[in-house]
Protein backbone atom coordinates (compact mmCIF):
# COMPACT_ATOMS: atom_id res chain seq x y z
CA MET A 1 110.29 49.07 20.47
CA SER A 2 111.14 45.54 21.58
CA GLY A 3 114.09 43.66 23.01
CA LEU A 4 116.40 45.86 20.95
CA MET A 5 118.36 48.34 23.06
CA GLN A 6 118.14 51.99 22.03
CA THR A 7 119.71 55.07 23.59
CA PHE A 8 117.69 58.06 24.76
CA PRO A 9 118.73 61.34 26.35
CA ILE A 10 117.19 62.05 29.73
CA ARG A 11 114.71 64.85 29.01
CA GLN A 12 113.95 65.73 32.62
CA ILE A 13 114.64 64.58 36.18
CA ILE A 14 112.33 65.31 39.12
CA GLU A 15 113.41 64.58 42.69
CA HIS A 16 110.46 63.60 44.89
CA SER A 17 112.46 63.00 48.06
CA PRO A 18 116.04 62.07 48.95
CA GLY A 19 116.86 59.01 46.87
CA VAL A 20 113.57 58.93 44.90
CA ARG A 21 113.53 60.43 41.41
CA SER A 22 111.58 60.25 38.18
CA PHE A 23 113.41 60.13 34.86
CA TYR A 24 111.71 61.20 31.64
CA PHE A 25 112.44 59.98 28.11
CA LYS A 26 110.89 60.70 24.73
CA GLN A 27 108.05 58.28 24.05
CA THR A 28 108.72 56.22 20.93
CA PHE A 29 106.70 53.13 21.91
CA GLY A 30 103.41 52.30 23.60
CA VAL A 31 103.21 51.10 27.19
CA CYS A 32 100.32 49.58 29.17
CA ALA A 33 99.98 50.01 32.92
CA GLY A 34 102.01 47.33 34.66
CA GLN A 35 104.56 46.78 31.91
CA PHE A 36 108.25 47.50 32.48
CA VAL A 37 111.34 48.62 30.59
CA ASN A 38 114.98 47.72 31.08
CA ILE A 39 117.33 50.65 31.66
CA TRP A 40 120.99 50.30 30.75
CA LEU A 41 123.49 52.48 32.57
CA PRO A 42 126.78 52.38 30.64
CA ASP A 43 129.68 50.74 32.50
CA VAL A 44 127.33 49.72 35.34
CA ASP A 45 124.51 47.29 34.50
CA GLU A 46 120.99 46.90 33.12
CA LYS A 47 117.91 46.70 35.38
CA PRO A 48 114.11 46.49 34.95
CA PHE A 49 111.79 49.27 36.13
CA SER A 50 108.03 49.77 35.92
CA VAL A 51 106.81 52.67 33.83
CA SER A 52 105.00 55.11 36.12
CA LYS A 53 103.41 57.46 33.58
CA VAL A 54 103.02 58.17 29.87
CA ALA A 55 101.96 61.71 28.97
CA ASN A 56 102.86 64.67 26.77
CA GLY A 57 105.12 62.56 24.58
CA LEU A 58 107.23 61.41 27.52
CA ILE A 59 107.70 58.16 29.39
CA GLU A 60 108.29 58.45 33.12
CA VAL A 61 110.26 55.90 35.15
CA SER A 62 110.38 56.41 38.91
CA VAL A 63 113.29 54.96 40.88
CA LYS A 64 114.31 54.63 44.51
CA ALA A 65 118.02 54.40 45.36
CA TYR A 66 118.57 50.99 46.88
CA GLY A 67 121.45 49.01 45.40
CA ARG A 68 124.57 49.86 43.42
CA PHE A 69 122.75 50.37 40.11
CA THR A 70 120.07 52.72 41.41
CA LYS A 71 122.58 54.71 43.45
CA GLU A 72 124.67 55.20 40.32
CA LEU A 73 121.54 56.12 38.36
CA MET A 74 120.89 58.94 40.84
CA LYS A 75 124.09 60.58 39.57
CA ALA A 76 122.70 60.86 36.03
CA LYS A 77 121.99 64.35 34.71
CA GLU A 78 119.49 65.73 32.20
CA GLY A 79 120.88 65.18 28.72
CA ASP A 80 122.81 62.04 29.65
CA LEU A 81 122.24 59.06 27.37
CA LEU A 82 120.74 55.89 28.83
CA GLY A 83 119.77 52.66 27.10
CA LEU A 84 116.13 51.52 27.10
CA ARG A 85 114.52 48.36 25.80
CA GLY A 86 110.98 47.11 26.13
CA PRO A 87 108.20 47.31 27.02
CA PHE A 88 108.04 43.82 28.48
CA GLY A 89 105.45 41.65 30.16
CA ASN A 90 101.72 41.72 30.69
CA GLY A 91 100.02 44.66 32.34
CA PHE A 92 96.91 45.29 34.40
CA THR A 93 93.35 44.83 33.21
CA LEU A 94 90.94 47.69 33.86
CA LYS A 95 88.12 47.04 36.33
CA ASN A 96 85.52 49.18 38.06
CA ASN A 97 85.12 49.82 41.81
CA ALA A 98 88.74 48.92 42.44
CA LEU A 99 91.14 49.38 45.34
CA LEU A 100 94.75 50.30 44.53
CA ILE A 101 97.16 49.21 47.29
CA GLY A 102 100.71 50.52 47.08
CA GLY A 103 103.67 50.19 49.39
CA GLY A 104 106.72 52.45 49.09
CA ILE A 105 108.11 52.70 45.57
CA GLY A 106 105.36 50.22 44.60
CA ILE A 107 103.16 53.30 44.30
CA ALA A 108 104.96 54.11 41.01
CA PRO A 109 103.38 51.46 38.70
CA LEU A 110 99.96 52.28 40.17
CA ARG A 111 100.31 55.86 38.92
CA ILE A 112 99.95 54.87 35.26
CA LEU A 113 97.19 52.43 36.22
CA ALA A 114 95.29 55.22 37.97
CA ASP A 115 95.58 57.36 34.84
CA GLU A 116 94.19 54.59 32.65
CA LEU A 117 91.34 53.83 35.04
CA HIS A 118 90.45 57.52 35.25
CA GLN A 119 90.58 57.96 31.47
CA ASN A 120 88.23 54.98 31.08
CA ASN A 121 85.75 56.28 33.67
CA LYS A 122 86.47 53.50 36.17
CA ARG A 123 85.91 54.23 39.84
CA PHE A 124 88.79 53.42 42.16
CA VAL A 125 90.08 54.11 45.67
CA SER A 126 93.76 54.53 46.58
CA LEU A 127 95.39 53.01 49.67
CA PHE A 128 99.09 53.78 50.10
CA GLY A 129 101.70 53.21 52.76
CA ALA A 130 105.32 54.24 53.21
CA ALA A 131 107.95 54.67 55.89
CA ALA A 132 107.37 58.44 56.05
CA LYS A 133 105.44 61.25 54.35
CA HIS A 134 108.21 62.09 51.88
CA GLU A 135 108.03 58.56 50.44
CA LEU A 136 104.34 58.88 49.52
CA ILE A 137 105.20 59.86 45.97
CA PHE A 138 102.53 61.34 43.67
CA LYS A 139 100.22 61.83 46.65
CA SER A 140 98.59 64.98 45.25
CA ASP A 141 98.08 63.39 41.82
CA PHE A 142 96.12 60.49 43.29
CA GLU A 143 94.08 62.84 45.49
CA LYS A 144 92.86 64.67 42.39
CA ILE A 145 91.25 61.59 40.85
CA SER A 146 90.33 59.25 43.71
CA SER A 147 89.46 58.90 47.36
CA CYS A 148 92.70 58.21 49.24
CA TYR A 149 93.87 56.52 52.44
CA PHE A 150 97.45 57.04 53.59
CA TYR A 151 99.54 55.20 56.17
CA THR A 152 103.08 55.89 57.38
CA ASP A 153 105.30 53.87 59.68
CA ASP A 154 106.30 56.96 61.65
CA GLY A 155 102.90 58.68 61.62
CA SER A 156 104.23 61.71 59.70
CA PHE A 157 101.19 61.64 57.40
CA GLY A 158 97.87 59.87 57.43
CA LYS A 159 97.40 57.08 59.93
CA LYS A 160 100.38 55.61 61.77
CA GLY A 161 100.72 51.93 60.96
CA LEU A 162 100.89 49.43 58.12
CA VAL A 163 99.01 49.86 54.86
CA THR A 164 97.33 46.49 55.35
CA GLU A 165 95.73 47.03 58.75
CA ASP A 166 92.38 48.53 57.63
CA ILE A 167 91.97 46.79 54.27
CA LEU A 168 88.86 44.83 55.22
CA LYS A 169 87.10 47.90 56.57
CA ILE A 170 87.97 49.92 53.45
CA ILE A 171 86.76 47.13 51.16
CA ARG A 172 83.45 47.01 53.01
CA ASN A 173 82.91 50.78 53.27
CA GLU A 174 83.97 51.56 49.69
CA LYS A 175 82.14 48.57 48.16
CA ILE A 176 85.31 47.31 46.47
CA GLU A 177 84.95 44.67 43.76
CA TYR A 178 88.53 44.38 42.48
CA ILE A 179 92.00 44.87 43.97
CA TYR A 180 95.35 45.92 42.51
CA ALA A 181 98.56 45.87 44.55
CA ALA A 182 102.20 46.79 44.02
CA GLY A 183 104.97 46.82 46.58
CA PRO A 184 107.09 44.46 48.67
CA GLU A 185 106.21 40.77 48.55
CA ILE A 186 105.66 40.61 52.29
CA MET A 187 102.81 43.07 51.72
CA PHE A 188 101.33 40.76 49.08
CA VAL A 189 101.38 37.87 51.54
CA LYS A 190 99.28 39.83 54.04
CA VAL A 191 96.93 41.26 51.40
CA LYS A 192 96.37 37.80 49.95
CA GLU A 193 95.70 36.35 53.40
CA LEU A 194 93.04 39.01 54.03
CA ILE A 195 91.23 39.03 50.70
CA ASP A 196 91.33 35.37 49.58
CA PRO A 197 88.44 34.46 51.95
CA LEU A 198 86.37 37.26 50.38
CA ASN A 199 86.76 35.85 46.84
CA ILE A 200 87.52 39.32 45.51
CA PRO A 201 89.60 39.06 42.31
CA TYR A 202 92.95 40.82 42.31
CA GLU A 203 96.14 41.54 40.41
CA PHE A 204 99.60 41.98 41.94
CA CYS A 205 102.47 43.71 40.15
CA MET A 206 105.43 41.52 41.09
CA GLU A 207 109.15 42.26 41.20
CA ARG A 208 112.04 39.81 40.98
CA TYR A 209 115.60 39.86 39.73
CA MET A 210 115.18 39.94 35.93
CA LYS A 211 117.92 39.81 33.35
CA CYS A 212 116.88 39.07 29.78
CA GLY A 213 113.31 40.38 29.81
CA ILE A 214 112.23 37.87 27.16
CA GLY A 215 111.85 34.62 29.12
CA ILE A 216 115.11 32.90 28.20
CA CYS A 217 117.32 33.07 31.29
CA GLY A 218 114.82 31.75 33.86
CA GLN A 219 116.02 34.24 36.46
CA CYS A 220 112.53 35.43 37.37
CA VAL A 221 110.67 32.09 37.41
CA LEU A 222 108.30 31.66 40.36
CA ASP A 223 108.35 28.22 42.00
CA ASP A 224 106.35 25.98 41.59
CA SER A 225 104.29 27.69 38.93
CA GLY A 226 106.85 28.01 36.15
CA VAL A 227 105.63 31.59 35.63
CA ARG A 228 108.31 33.85 34.16
CA LEU A 229 107.61 37.32 35.49
CA CYS A 230 109.17 39.03 32.50
CA VAL A 231 106.79 37.24 30.10
CA GLU A 232 103.69 35.94 31.90
CA GLY A 233 104.01 38.70 34.51
CA PRO A 234 104.90 41.03 36.04
CA VAL A 235 101.18 41.44 36.74
CA LEU A 236 99.66 38.20 38.04
CA ASN A 237 96.08 37.51 39.12
CA GLN A 238 94.69 35.24 41.82
CA ASP A 239 94.63 32.22 39.51
CA ASP A 240 98.26 32.75 38.45
CA LEU A 241 99.35 32.82 42.10
CA LYS A 242 97.58 29.63 43.19
CA SER A 243 100.58 27.44 42.34
CA VAL A 244 103.26 29.86 43.59
CA THR A 245 104.84 28.41 46.74
CA GLU A 246 107.56 30.99 47.37
CA LEU A 247 105.58 34.22 47.70
CA GLY A 248 107.36 36.43 50.20
CA LYS A 249 109.95 33.77 51.01
CA ILE A 250 112.56 33.23 48.33
CA HIS A 251 114.52 35.37 45.91
CA ARG A 252 117.43 34.70 43.59
CA ASP A 253 120.69 36.59 43.29
CA ALA A 254 122.48 37.54 40.06
CA SER A 255 123.75 33.97 39.63
CA GLY A 256 120.28 32.46 39.90
CA ARG A 257 120.97 31.03 43.35
CA ARG A 258 118.11 31.08 45.82
CA ILE A 259 118.54 33.44 48.76
CA LYS A 260 116.22 34.06 51.69
């Protein structure tokens, strides 16, 4: 598949917690960990989402209800037709002795990465944080294939606190040589601040408002780098991020206007 929109029936829907669901579609194209697809909801809009798993002939996309589009998507039923196009962007590379850091729904794109690392006999450790236990999606799946550390804002599971607070200790104790992260940009800012002095290479799976998916509209360009997340991203490494001046600070709305 490519930039051409195609319609697919929803094969299955799994609800992980209130407002967090996975949607499953027949797999007709290959996807690498970190790549995304655009989902079109008729009469509503089209939005990009990371693929969270590929298995048994199905593609899984995991979504959290946040804005108008995702709240409408939660009303979809099995058998409903949705439009898909993609996959788009560059994905993760596979490294050994890695630390996966996920915040909230950012855990989703790390699920397919964990599968690929495991299938390629790469050692990795998982570090995840969320507001509460029910938002730690795929917890049991990660526990089956890696050592895990969990943090919740309310202390309902794992350690109470932010996912970033023990990163340096975990890196040291687990002998981490590479880092992957996905989640809110404010988390990236803190992770970057902690690990840059260590010179440990890393890759962040970024999210911005994306429209076209093929690098034409400029909606997802990161200042001052010129990086288009839908083409050069959404996975960026430490070198890609050196010239980005707006990490965790600026976003654009649907018109392309900067908002803080």
